[in-house]
Amino acid sequence: MPEKLHRDIKLFLEGKPAPKGEELWNNWYNHPEEILDSIETIKSDRSKLKKEIRQIKKSNKVIFLQHKNWSIAASLLFLMGMGCFFYLSSEEVIKQYATKSGEHAKVVLSDGTQIWLNAGSRLKYPAKFKGDTREVYLTGEAFFDVAKDKKHPFIIHTHKMDTKVLGTSFNVQAYPDHATQEVSVLTGRVNVKSTITEENVYVTPGQKVVFKSQSNKMQAFTDIPVNSISLWRKNIIVFEDAPLPEVIATINRNYNVNIQLENKNLNNLKISAYFKELPVDQVVALVCNIINAHYKQESGNYIIR
């Protein structure tokens, strides 16, 4: 039996805080017939049960139960010990990595896949891939270099989009505060599917597909310079006809600053610009120059008027 499982139940029986132990005990107490029915499937071993009872009785100085309940507790621990194999084997350990504003990070998965996370992004992934597919969940932006495995497709789930590959490199942008999501391919072949309309698009090197949240439509673009894909990894920010609120949100994420748009009439403006490794003061000044506005700093915040 796993030591932690044994300890959790013991702590609860001792009257000490042990949420998992309490949950296991209450499940047995409220539905004993389900546990008893499981004995046949678990194929209990009498000798193992007696051994478990002896182990618990040795610790009776800390577990305060009536004699009648010793066999109950021992049986429960035994069943949990035998059943934990099924419980643990079926439970998938999910990890999560999140980057803060102004931060980039690299994550390497169990299959060798390498992922670079942009600022303000979150990745959920299994500690070890199981089954027929390799699936992860992304919020934000990341560049993927997926390890090749033809028998186990790699799938990235984002809001309203699934991106499926066998082994390739590409960039996925899916920030919640953006009106679009994008997949740009550097090498290999990628299948992007809308989870709203089931529309499928295949994307190859030098191409990208854009999903528009407002219309739930996908649009493919060709002749995309491959050296322009994931420029954010080189601290280069590119805006292509981007709404001003998205521009501000991107600058806030990348520089870990707070820019506020005081003049709401500017919300409908769109910007195309290229900022290469510039300090935030220059970026804000250039944006203001493009939209014919000005800014000032107050308590560390940038106020655009």
Protein backbone atom coordinates (compact mmCIF):
# COMPACT_ATOMS: atom_id res chain seq x y z
CA MET A 1 0.00 0.00 0.00
CA PRO A 2 1.31 3.49 -0.79
CA GLU A 3 2.65 5.09 2.36
CA LYS A 4 0.80 8.37 1.80
CA LEU A 5 -2.58 6.63 1.40
CA HIS A 6 -2.00 4.69 4.61
CA ARG A 7 -0.95 7.85 6.43
CA ASP A 8 -3.93 9.91 5.24
CA ILE A 9 -6.43 7.39 6.56
CA LYS A 10 -4.53 6.98 9.84
CA LEU A 11 -4.47 10.73 10.41
CA PHE A 12 -8.22 10.95 9.94
CA LEU A 13 -8.86 8.03 12.30
CA GLU A 14 -6.68 9.82 14.85
CA GLY A 15 -8.91 12.88 14.60
CA LYS A 16 -6.28 14.95 12.82
CA PRO A 17 -6.79 16.98 9.61
CA ALA A 18 -6.61 14.64 6.63
CA PRO A 19 -9.09 15.58 3.85
CA LYS A 20 -8.14 12.66 1.60
CA GLY A 21 -8.37 10.17 4.45
CA GLU A 22 -11.76 11.55 5.46
CA GLU A 23 -12.98 11.33 1.86
CA LEU A 24 -11.93 7.69 1.53
CA TRP A 25 -13.45 6.76 4.89
CA ASN A 26 -16.74 8.57 4.17
CA ASN A 27 -17.01 6.94 0.76
CA TRP A 28 -16.70 3.55 2.39
CA TYR A 29 -19.02 4.46 5.29
CA ASN A 30 -21.77 5.87 3.07
CA HIS A 31 -21.53 3.22 0.34
CA PRO A 32 -20.15 0.05 1.94
CA GLU A 33 -21.93 -2.13 -0.58
CA GLU A 34 -19.86 -0.64 -3.40
CA ILE A 35 -16.61 -1.43 -1.60
CA LEU A 36 -17.77 -4.92 -0.72
CA ASP A 37 -18.86 -5.55 -4.29
CA SER A 38 -15.40 -4.56 -5.42
CA ILE A 39 -13.78 -7.35 -3.43
CA GLU A 40 -14.49 -9.83 -6.19
CA THR A 41 -12.91 -7.66 -8.81
CA ILE A 42 -9.95 -6.83 -6.60
CA LYS A 43 -9.47 -10.53 -5.74
CA SER A 44 -8.54 -10.05 -2.11
CA ASP A 45 -5.81 -12.18 -0.59
CA ARG A 46 -6.54 -13.40 2.98
CA SER A 47 -2.89 -13.52 3.95
CA LYS A 48 -2.40 -9.93 2.84
CA LEU A 49 -5.48 -8.90 4.82
CA LYS A 50 -4.12 -10.52 8.00
CA LYS A 51 -0.77 -8.84 7.45
CA GLU A 52 -2.51 -5.48 7.07
CA ILE A 53 -4.43 -6.04 10.31
CA ARG A 54 -1.21 -6.82 12.16
CA GLN A 55 0.40 -3.64 10.82
CA ILE A 56 -2.49 -1.50 12.03
CA LYS A 57 -2.66 -3.20 15.45
CA LYS A 58 1.01 -2.39 15.98
CA SER A 59 0.11 1.27 15.79
CA ASN A 60 -2.89 1.10 18.14
CA LYS A 61 -1.20 3.53 20.48
CA VAL A 62 -2.01 6.35 18.07
CA ILE A 63 -5.24 5.17 16.40
CA PHE A 64 -8.08 5.32 18.92
CA LEU A 65 -10.71 2.92 17.63
CA GLN A 66 -12.87 0.39 19.38
CA HIS A 67 -11.78 -3.19 18.92
CA LYS A 68 -14.72 -3.89 16.63
CA ASN A 69 -13.61 -1.17 14.27
CA TRP A 70 -10.07 -2.49 13.93
CA SER A 71 -11.13 -5.10 11.42
CA ILE A 72 -13.24 -2.52 9.60
CA ALA A 73 -10.34 -0.11 9.38
CA ALA A 74 -7.98 -2.91 8.41
CA SER A 75 -10.35 -4.12 5.70
CA LEU A 76 -10.80 -0.59 4.41
CA LEU A 77 -7.07 0.03 4.32
CA PHE A 78 -6.54 -3.30 2.63
CA LEU A 79 -9.18 -2.65 0.01
CA MET A 80 -7.76 0.81 -0.59
CA GLY A 81 -4.30 -0.66 -0.76
CA MET A 82 -5.34 -3.22 -3.33
CA GLY A 83 -7.58 -0.77 -5.14
CA CYS A 84 -5.03 2.01 -5.24
CA PHE A 85 -3.38 0.32 -8.21
CA PHE A 86 -6.52 0.88 -10.23
CA TYR A 87 -7.00 4.35 -8.75
CA LEU A 88 -3.46 5.54 -9.40
CA SER A 89 -3.10 3.89 -12.78
CA SER A 90 -6.28 5.48 -14.04
CA GLU A 91 -5.53 8.90 -12.55
CA GLU A 92 -3.44 11.07 -14.82
CA VAL A 93 -1.00 13.46 -13.19
CA ILE A 94 -1.49 16.87 -14.77
CA LYS A 95 1.16 19.56 -14.53
CA GLN A 96 0.77 23.25 -15.16
CA TYR A 97 3.28 25.95 -16.05
CA ALA A 98 2.39 29.63 -16.21
CA THR A 99 4.55 32.58 -17.20
CA LYS A 100 4.18 35.98 -15.63
CA SER A 101 4.05 39.29 -17.48
CA GLY A 102 7.46 40.09 -18.93
CA GLU A 103 8.58 36.48 -18.67
CA HIS A 104 9.41 33.75 -21.20
CA ALA A 105 9.94 30.08 -20.33
CA LYS A 106 10.83 26.76 -21.92
CA VAL A 107 9.10 23.49 -21.02
CA VAL A 108 10.25 20.03 -22.14
CA LEU A 109 7.59 17.29 -22.11
CA SER A 110 8.06 13.59 -21.38
CA ASP A 111 8.18 12.72 -25.10
CA GLY A 112 10.94 15.25 -25.80
CA THR A 113 8.64 17.94 -27.20
CA GLN A 114 10.01 21.43 -26.53
CA ILE A 115 7.68 24.35 -25.84
CA TRP A 116 8.57 28.02 -25.47
CA LEU A 117 5.92 30.03 -23.59
CA ASN A 118 5.39 33.73 -24.23
CA ALA A 119 4.54 36.17 -21.44
CA GLY A 120 1.22 35.74 -19.64
CA SER A 121 0.67 32.20 -20.92
CA ARG A 122 -0.36 28.93 -19.28
CA LEU A 123 0.28 25.34 -20.34
CA LYS A 124 -1.39 22.24 -18.90
CA TYR A 125 0.13 18.87 -19.77
CA PRO A 126 0.39 15.32 -18.40
CA ALA A 127 3.52 14.32 -16.52
CA LYS A 128 3.62 11.32 -18.85
CA PHE A 129 1.62 10.76 -22.00
CA LYS A 130 -0.71 7.76 -22.05
CA GLY A 131 -3.11 6.40 -24.64
CA ASP A 132 -3.28 7.00 -28.37
CA THR A 133 -2.74 10.77 -28.35
CA ARG A 134 -0.50 13.40 -26.75
CA GLU A 135 -2.73 16.27 -25.60
CA VAL A 136 -1.94 19.61 -23.94
CA TYR A 137 -3.94 22.76 -23.17
CA LEU A 138 -2.70 26.26 -23.94
CA THR A 139 -3.88 29.70 -22.92
CA GLY A 140 -1.76 32.47 -24.39
CA GLU A 141 1.06 31.98 -26.89
CA ALA A 142 3.71 29.33 -27.40
CA PHE A 143 6.11 27.97 -29.99
CA PHE A 144 6.09 24.18 -30.28
CA ASP A 145 8.82 21.86 -31.53
CA VAL A 146 6.94 18.58 -31.35
CA ALA A 147 8.80 15.27 -31.14
CA LYS A 148 7.86 13.02 -34.06
CA ASP A 149 5.58 10.09 -33.27
CA LYS A 150 3.31 8.97 -36.10
CA LYS A 151 1.38 6.60 -33.85
CA HIS A 152 0.56 9.24 -31.24
CA PRO A 153 -0.70 12.55 -32.69
CA PHE A 154 0.05 15.68 -30.68
CA ILE A 155 -2.98 17.90 -30.01
CA ILE A 156 -3.00 21.43 -28.58
CA HIS A 157 -6.35 22.53 -27.19
CA THR A 158 -7.03 26.26 -27.09
CA HIS A 159 -10.25 28.21 -26.74
CA LYS A 160 -12.35 27.30 -29.80
CA MET A 161 -9.45 25.60 -31.64
CA ASP A 162 -7.65 22.25 -31.73
CA THR A 163 -4.27 21.97 -33.44
CA LYS A 164 -3.16 18.46 -34.40
CA VAL A 165 0.31 17.39 -35.57
CA LEU A 166 2.55 14.34 -35.73
CA GLY A 167 5.89 16.09 -35.42
CA THR A 168 6.64 19.63 -36.53
CA SER A 169 7.36 23.18 -35.34
CA PHE A 170 4.85 26.01 -35.26
CA ASN A 171 3.53 28.94 -33.24
CA VAL A 172 0.13 29.14 -31.56
CA GLN A 173 -1.32 32.43 -30.36
CA ALA A 174 -4.53 32.18 -28.32
CA TYR A 175 -4.78 34.97 -25.77
CA PRO A 176 -8.28 35.35 -24.27
CA ASP A 177 -8.22 39.14 -24.72
CA HIS A 178 -7.50 38.91 -28.46
CA ALA A 179 -10.19 38.91 -31.13
CA THR A 180 -8.26 36.29 -33.12
CA GLN A 181 -6.27 33.11 -32.61
CA GLU A 182 -3.44 32.16 -34.96
CA VAL A 183 -1.37 29.13 -35.90
CA SER A 184 1.77 29.77 -37.99
CA VAL A 185 3.84 26.86 -39.29
CA LEU A 186 7.62 26.77 -39.53
CA THR A 187 8.14 23.10 -40.47
CA GLY A 188 5.91 20.14 -41.21
CA ARG A 189 2.14 19.98 -41.63
CA VAL A 190 -0.48 21.04 -39.11
CA ASN A 191 -4.22 20.45 -38.96
CA VAL A 192 -6.26 23.19 -37.26
CA LYS A 193 -9.88 22.55 -36.43
CA SER A 194 -12.55 24.87 -35.08
CA THR A 195 -14.31 23.30 -32.10
CA ILE A 196 -17.29 25.55 -32.87
CA THR A 197 -17.96 24.79 -36.54
CA GLU A 198 -15.77 21.68 -37.04
CA GLU A 199 -14.07 23.50 -39.93
CA ASN A 200 -10.66 22.00 -40.79
CA VAL A 201 -7.65 23.71 -42.33
CA TYR A 202 -4.25 22.19 -43.14
CA VAL A 203 -1.33 24.56 -42.73
CA THR A 204 2.16 24.04 -44.17
CA PRO A 205 5.45 25.97 -43.81
CA GLY A 206 5.10 29.66 -44.66
CA GLN A 207 1.36 29.60 -44.01
CA LYS A 208 -0.88 30.54 -41.11
CA VAL A 209 -4.54 30.21 -40.20
CA VAL A 210 -6.44 32.87 -38.28
CA PHE A 211 -9.58 32.13 -36.29
CA LYS A 212 -11.85 35.15 -35.78
CA SER A 213 -13.79 34.85 -32.54
CA GLN A 214 -16.49 37.31 -33.52
CA SER A 215 -17.57 35.40 -36.63
CA ASN A 216 -16.20 31.95 -35.67
CA LYS A 217 -14.60 31.82 -39.12
CA MET A 218 -11.17 30.56 -40.10
CA GLN A 219 -9.01 32.20 -42.76
CA ALA A 220 -5.80 30.84 -44.26
CA PHE A 221 -2.87 32.97 -45.35
CA THR A 222 0.07 32.01 -47.55
CA ASP A 223 3.51 33.48 -48.28
CA ILE A 224 4.24 34.16 -44.61
CA PRO A 225 8.02 34.66 -44.17
CA VAL A 226 9.17 31.79 -41.97
CA ASN A 227 11.70 34.06 -40.27
CA SER A 228 8.81 36.17 -38.99
CA ILE A 229 7.26 33.28 -37.05
CA SER A 230 7.56 33.54 -33.25
CA LEU A 231 9.63 36.72 -33.37
CA TRP A 232 8.58 37.29 -29.78
CA ARG A 233 11.27 34.77 -28.80
CA LYS A 234 13.78 37.38 -29.98
CA ASN A 235 12.00 40.14 -28.04
CA ILE A 236 10.49 41.52 -31.24
CA ILE A 237 6.84 42.61 -31.18
CA VAL A 238 4.89 42.71 -34.45
CA PHE A 239 1.40 44.13 -34.90
CA GLU A 240 -0.52 43.61 -38.14
CA ASP A 241 -3.69 45.67 -38.29
CA ALA A 242 -4.19 44.94 -34.58
CA PRO A 243 -6.92 46.69 -32.56
CA LEU A 244 -5.45 49.24 -30.14
CA PRO A 245 -6.80 47.44 -27.01
CA GLU A 246 -4.93 44.28 -28.10
CA VAL A 247 -1.78 46.32 -28.73
CA ILE A 248 -1.95 47.74 -25.22
CA ALA A 249 -2.65 44.32 -23.69
CA THR A 250 0.35 42.87 -25.53
CA ILE A 251 2.69 45.64 -24.37
CA ASN A 252 1.44 45.23 -20.80
CA ARG A 253 2.15 41.48 -20.91
CA ASN A 254 5.54 41.71 -22.55
CA TYR A 255 6.90 44.56 -20.41
CA ASN A 256 5.00 43.88 -17.20
CA VAL A 257 3.63 47.42 -17.12
CA ASN A 258 0.20 49.01 -16.81
CA ILE A 259 -0.94 51.14 -19.74
CA GLN A 260 -4.39 52.68 -19.49
CA LEU A 261 -6.35 54.13 -22.38
CA GLU A 262 -8.16 57.18 -21.03
CA ASN A 263 -9.57 58.28 -24.38
CA LYS A 264 -12.07 55.54 -25.21
CA ASN A 265 -12.60 56.97 -28.70
CA LEU A 266 -9.25 55.46 -29.62
CA ASN A 267 -10.50 51.89 -29.04
CA ASN A 268 -11.56 51.46 -32.67
CA LEU A 269 -8.12 52.28 -34.08
CA LYS A 270 -5.89 49.55 -35.54
CA ILE A 271 -2.11 49.49 -35.67
CA SER A 272 0.59 47.88 -37.80
CA ALA A 273 4.04 48.22 -36.28
CA TYR A 274 7.36 46.46 -35.63
CA PHE A 275 9.19 46.99 -32.34
CA LYS A 276 12.61 45.38 -31.99
CA GLU A 277 14.07 45.20 -28.48
CA LEU A 278 12.95 48.69 -27.55
CA PRO A 279 12.47 49.93 -23.98
CA VAL A 280 8.86 50.34 -22.96
CA ASP A 281 9.03 54.16 -22.90
CA GLN A 282 9.94 54.21 -26.58
CA VAL A 283 7.26 51.67 -27.48
CA VAL A 284 4.54 53.70 -25.75
CA ALA A 285 5.80 56.91 -27.34
CA LEU A 286 5.78 55.34 -30.83
CA VAL A 287 2.26 53.97 -30.36
CA CYS A 288 1.07 57.41 -29.29
CA ASN A 289 2.75 58.93 -32.33
CA ILE A 290 0.95 56.48 -34.63
CA ILE A 291 -2.48 57.21 -33.16
CA ASN A 292 -1.83 60.93 -32.71
CA ALA A 293 -2.15 60.84 -28.93
CA HIS A 294 0.08 61.59 -25.98
CA TYR A 295 0.78 59.95 -22.64
CA LYS A 296 1.96 60.72 -19.16
CA GLN A 297 3.17 58.64 -16.25
CA GLU A 298 1.29 58.60 -12.96
CA SER A 299 2.37 56.40 -10.06
CA GLY A 300 4.24 54.11 -12.43
CA ASN A 301 1.29 53.77 -14.84
CA TYR A 302 1.15 54.97 -18.44
CA ILE A 303 -1.98 57.01 -19.21
CA ILE A 304 -2.75 57.51 -22.93
CA ARG A 305 -4.95 60.48 -23.73
